[in-house]
């Protein structure tokens, strides 16, 4: 990345545009990042790409009509992600799996990321366990996403862990209220399974 953006031989004539994708925001090192000349879109600030993060409500309604599936059930299971212009964004992988299987169920809990979730939330930073339990009860949690260092190892607070979970899709984020929350039934079941019988390590 550094070579791509900082090489003196790289000019506007050389690269007209570049598309790079990943789960986490690009890691920044220090106040003067070597990689800075690009526009970044993330789960906390998807910008003009927010309608492409997942399926929109209109798209899911059309799919439910085509496959004769109850839209309200689909909404309860896989809706919940919200952005500035799109307040109902659905997990596209789970929606398609539900349509193909012909029933709603948890398609996320069998993924490798389920084990990672247990590891992340077992670190009881600043009362993280209590916050997770409140969110399982339907509450939202105030969060400062600006302390996150854009990696999966440099945790210093509860907010860092919660921000990571937003980027991984386990939590949704209300940009206006600066709050995190569990988006739907599918993810709620994943959290319940992760919390059950888990060993929490208190981190102050």
Protein backbone atom coordinates (compact mmCIF):
# COMPACT_ATOMS: atom_id res chain seq x y z
CA UNK A 1 0.00 0.00 0.00
CA UNK A 2 2.77 2.41 0.90
CA UNK A 3 4.55 1.71 -2.38
CA UNK A 4 1.34 2.17 -4.33
CA UNK A 5 0.47 5.56 -2.88
CA UNK A 6 3.90 7.02 -2.08
CA UNK A 7 6.02 5.92 -5.02
CA UNK A 8 7.20 9.00 -6.87
CA UNK A 9 6.77 7.19 -10.19
CA UNK A 10 3.05 6.71 -9.53
CA UNK A 11 1.10 9.48 -11.21
CA UNK A 12 -2.54 10.21 -12.04
CA UNK A 13 -1.84 8.87 -15.50
CA UNK A 14 -0.64 5.58 -14.04
CA UNK A 15 -3.66 4.84 -11.83
CA UNK A 16 -7.08 6.24 -12.65
CA UNK A 17 -8.84 4.42 -9.84
CA UNK A 18 -8.36 1.61 -7.34
CA UNK A 19 -10.86 -0.52 -5.44
CA UNK A 20 -9.65 -2.21 -2.27
CA UNK A 21 -11.89 -4.11 0.12
CA UNK A 22 -11.61 -5.67 3.57
CA UNK A 23 -13.48 -6.08 6.85
CA UNK A 24 -11.57 -3.57 8.96
CA UNK A 25 -10.54 0.01 8.23
CA UNK A 26 -6.97 0.37 7.06
CA UNK A 27 -4.49 0.48 9.94
CA UNK A 28 -3.07 3.93 10.68
CA UNK A 29 0.41 4.27 12.14
CA UNK A 30 0.97 7.53 14.01
CA UNK A 31 -0.52 10.89 13.19
CA UNK A 32 1.07 10.96 9.71
CA UNK A 33 -0.05 7.84 7.93
CA UNK A 34 1.98 6.69 4.95
CA UNK A 35 -1.27 5.68 3.27
CA UNK A 36 -3.56 8.69 3.23
CA UNK A 37 -4.45 9.63 -0.34
CA UNK A 38 -7.62 7.63 -0.71
CA UNK A 39 -11.30 7.59 0.29
CA UNK A 40 -12.22 4.96 2.85
CA UNK A 41 -15.71 3.57 3.46
CA UNK A 42 -16.40 1.58 6.64
CA UNK A 43 -19.26 0.05 8.62
CA UNK A 44 -19.35 3.15 10.83
CA UNK A 45 -19.18 5.54 7.88
CA UNK A 46 -20.11 3.84 4.59
CA UNK A 47 -20.85 7.15 2.86
CA UNK A 48 -22.27 6.88 -0.65
CA UNK A 49 -21.83 3.09 -0.58
CA UNK A 50 -24.22 2.45 2.32
CA UNK A 51 -26.98 0.98 0.13
CA UNK A 52 -24.49 -1.67 -1.05
CA UNK A 53 -23.43 -2.85 2.42
CA UNK A 54 -26.34 -5.28 2.41
CA UNK A 55 -29.80 -5.76 0.92
CA UNK A 56 -32.16 -2.80 1.24
CA UNK A 57 -35.72 -3.23 2.51
CA UNK A 58 -37.17 -2.86 -1.00
CA UNK A 59 -34.86 -5.56 -2.33
CA UNK A 60 -35.85 -7.96 0.45
CA UNK A 61 -39.55 -7.25 -0.06
CA UNK A 62 -39.19 -8.15 -3.75
CA UNK A 63 -37.29 -11.34 -2.90
CA UNK A 64 -39.89 -12.38 -0.33
CA UNK A 65 -42.67 -11.80 -2.85
CA UNK A 66 -40.87 -13.81 -5.51
CA UNK A 67 -40.11 -16.75 -3.21
CA UNK A 68 -43.42 -16.55 -1.27
CA UNK A 69 -41.68 -15.94 2.06
CA UNK A 70 -43.13 -13.98 4.98
CA UNK A 71 -41.45 -10.57 4.95
CA UNK A 72 -42.05 -9.92 8.66
CA UNK A 73 -40.19 -13.10 9.59
CA UNK A 74 -37.32 -12.18 7.28
CA UNK A 75 -37.17 -8.73 8.86
CA UNK A 76 -37.05 -10.07 12.42
CA UNK A 77 -34.25 -12.46 11.59
CA UNK A 78 -31.94 -10.47 9.33
CA UNK A 79 -32.80 -6.73 9.38
CA UNK A 80 -31.39 -4.22 11.85
CA UNK A 81 -28.39 -2.50 10.32
CA UNK A 82 -29.01 1.19 9.87
CA UNK A 83 -27.24 4.04 8.10
CA UNK A 84 -28.04 7.68 7.41
CA UNK A 85 -30.18 7.15 4.30
CA UNK A 86 -30.96 3.46 4.64
CA UNK A 87 -32.50 2.56 7.98
CA UNK A 88 -33.22 -1.07 7.14
CA UNK A 89 -30.22 -2.98 5.79
CA UNK A 90 -30.25 -6.78 5.76
CA UNK A 91 -27.52 -9.40 5.99
CA UNK A 92 -27.44 -10.55 2.32
CA UNK A 93 -25.79 -13.92 2.94
CA UNK A 94 -28.36 -14.96 5.51
CA UNK A 95 -31.29 -13.71 3.40
CA UNK A 96 -30.15 -15.79 0.42
CA UNK A 97 -29.51 -18.84 2.61
CA UNK A 98 -33.00 -18.51 4.10
CA UNK A 99 -34.58 -18.29 0.66
CA UNK A 100 -32.70 -21.35 -0.55
CA UNK A 101 -33.39 -23.35 2.62
CA UNK A 102 -37.04 -22.33 2.65
CA UNK A 103 -36.97 -21.37 6.34
CA UNK A 104 -35.53 -18.81 8.73
CA UNK A 105 -32.72 -19.93 11.01
CA UNK A 106 -29.31 -18.91 12.22
CA UNK A 107 -26.79 -19.24 9.40
CA UNK A 108 -24.07 -17.28 11.18
CA UNK A 109 -23.45 -19.46 14.22
CA UNK A 110 -21.74 -22.15 12.16
CA UNK A 111 -19.13 -19.74 10.84
CA UNK A 112 -15.53 -19.51 12.03
CA UNK A 113 -16.17 -15.96 13.24
CA UNK A 114 -18.39 -17.38 16.02
CA UNK A 115 -15.29 -18.63 17.85
CA UNK A 116 -13.64 -15.25 17.37
CA UNK A 117 -16.67 -13.52 18.89
CA UNK A 118 -16.36 -15.61 22.05
CA UNK A 119 -12.72 -14.58 22.32
CA UNK A 120 -13.43 -10.87 21.86
CA UNK A 121 -16.30 -10.55 24.30
CA UNK A 122 -14.63 -12.70 26.97
CA UNK A 123 -12.30 -9.76 27.57
CA UNK A 124 -14.41 -7.93 30.11
CA UNK A 125 -13.03 -4.43 29.49
CA UNK A 126 -14.71 -1.75 31.62
CA UNK A 127 -17.76 -3.91 32.28
CA UNK A 128 -18.14 -5.22 28.71
CA UNK A 129 -20.04 -8.27 29.97
CA UNK A 130 -22.69 -6.08 31.59
CA UNK A 131 -23.02 -4.01 28.41
CA UNK A 132 -23.45 -7.14 26.25
CA UNK A 133 -26.15 -8.44 28.59
CA UNK A 134 -27.99 -5.10 28.43
CA UNK A 135 -27.88 -5.18 24.63
CA UNK A 136 -29.23 -8.74 24.66
CA UNK A 137 -32.16 -7.25 26.57
CA UNK A 138 -32.77 -4.82 23.72
CA UNK A 139 -30.90 -1.77 25.00
CA UNK A 140 -28.44 0.38 23.08
CA UNK A 141 -24.94 1.16 24.37
CA UNK A 142 -23.25 4.52 24.01
CA UNK A 143 -19.89 4.12 22.31
CA UNK A 144 -16.87 6.16 21.21
CA UNK A 145 -15.63 4.62 17.96
CA UNK A 146 -12.69 7.02 17.65
CA UNK A 147 -10.40 5.13 20.05
CA UNK A 148 -10.32 2.01 17.84
CA UNK A 149 -6.90 1.43 16.24
CA UNK A 150 -8.25 -0.55 13.28
CA UNK A 151 -6.88 -3.94 14.25
CA UNK A 152 -7.89 -7.01 16.25
CA UNK A 153 -5.13 -6.95 18.85
CA UNK A 154 -4.68 -3.43 20.24
CA UNK A 155 -7.66 -3.31 22.61
CA UNK A 156 -7.51 -0.75 25.38
CA UNK A 157 -11.17 -0.30 26.30
CA UNK A 158 -14.70 -1.62 26.00
CA UNK A 159 -15.30 0.82 23.14
CA UNK A 160 -12.46 -0.75 21.14
CA UNK A 161 -14.03 -4.21 21.36
CA UNK A 162 -17.52 -2.91 20.56
CA UNK A 163 -16.20 -0.95 17.57
CA UNK A 164 -14.49 -4.07 16.24
CA UNK A 165 -17.77 -5.98 16.57
CA UNK A 166 -19.49 -3.25 14.54
CA UNK A 167 -16.98 -3.64 11.72
CA UNK A 168 -17.37 -7.42 11.83
CA UNK A 169 -21.17 -7.10 11.58
CA UNK A 170 -22.00 -8.43 15.04
CA UNK A 171 -23.30 -5.05 16.14
CA UNK A 172 -25.11 -2.26 14.34
CA UNK A 173 -24.24 1.41 14.84
CA UNK A 174 -26.49 4.45 15.13
CA UNK A 175 -24.26 7.29 13.90
CA UNK A 176 -26.64 10.03 15.08
CA UNK A 177 -26.93 8.75 18.65
CA UNK A 178 -23.39 7.25 18.78
CA UNK A 179 -24.81 3.96 20.01
CA UNK A 180 -24.20 0.28 19.30
CA UNK A 181 -26.87 -2.41 19.43
CA UNK A 182 -27.60 -6.01 18.47
CA UNK A 183 -29.39 -5.76 15.11
CA UNK A 184 -31.63 -8.81 14.84
CA UNK A 185 -32.64 -12.26 16.06
CA UNK A 186 -29.88 -14.08 14.19
CA UNK A 187 -27.06 -12.07 15.78
CA UNK A 188 -28.80 -12.13 19.16
CA UNK A 189 -28.69 -15.93 19.10
CA UNK A 190 -24.98 -15.82 18.29
CA UNK A 191 -24.34 -13.56 21.28
CA UNK A 192 -26.45 -15.76 23.56
CA UNK A 193 -24.47 -18.83 22.51
CA UNK A 194 -21.18 -16.97 23.03
CA UNK A 195 -22.11 -15.70 26.48
CA UNK A 196 -23.48 -19.04 27.71
CA UNK A 197 -20.81 -20.86 29.65
CA UNK A 198 -18.14 -18.36 28.61
CA UNK A 199 -15.17 -17.53 30.83
CA UNK A 200 -14.88 -13.79 31.31
CA UNK A 201 -11.53 -12.17 32.02
CA UNK A 202 -11.88 -8.88 33.85
CA UNK A 203 -9.72 -6.18 32.21
CA UNK A 204 -9.51 -2.77 33.84
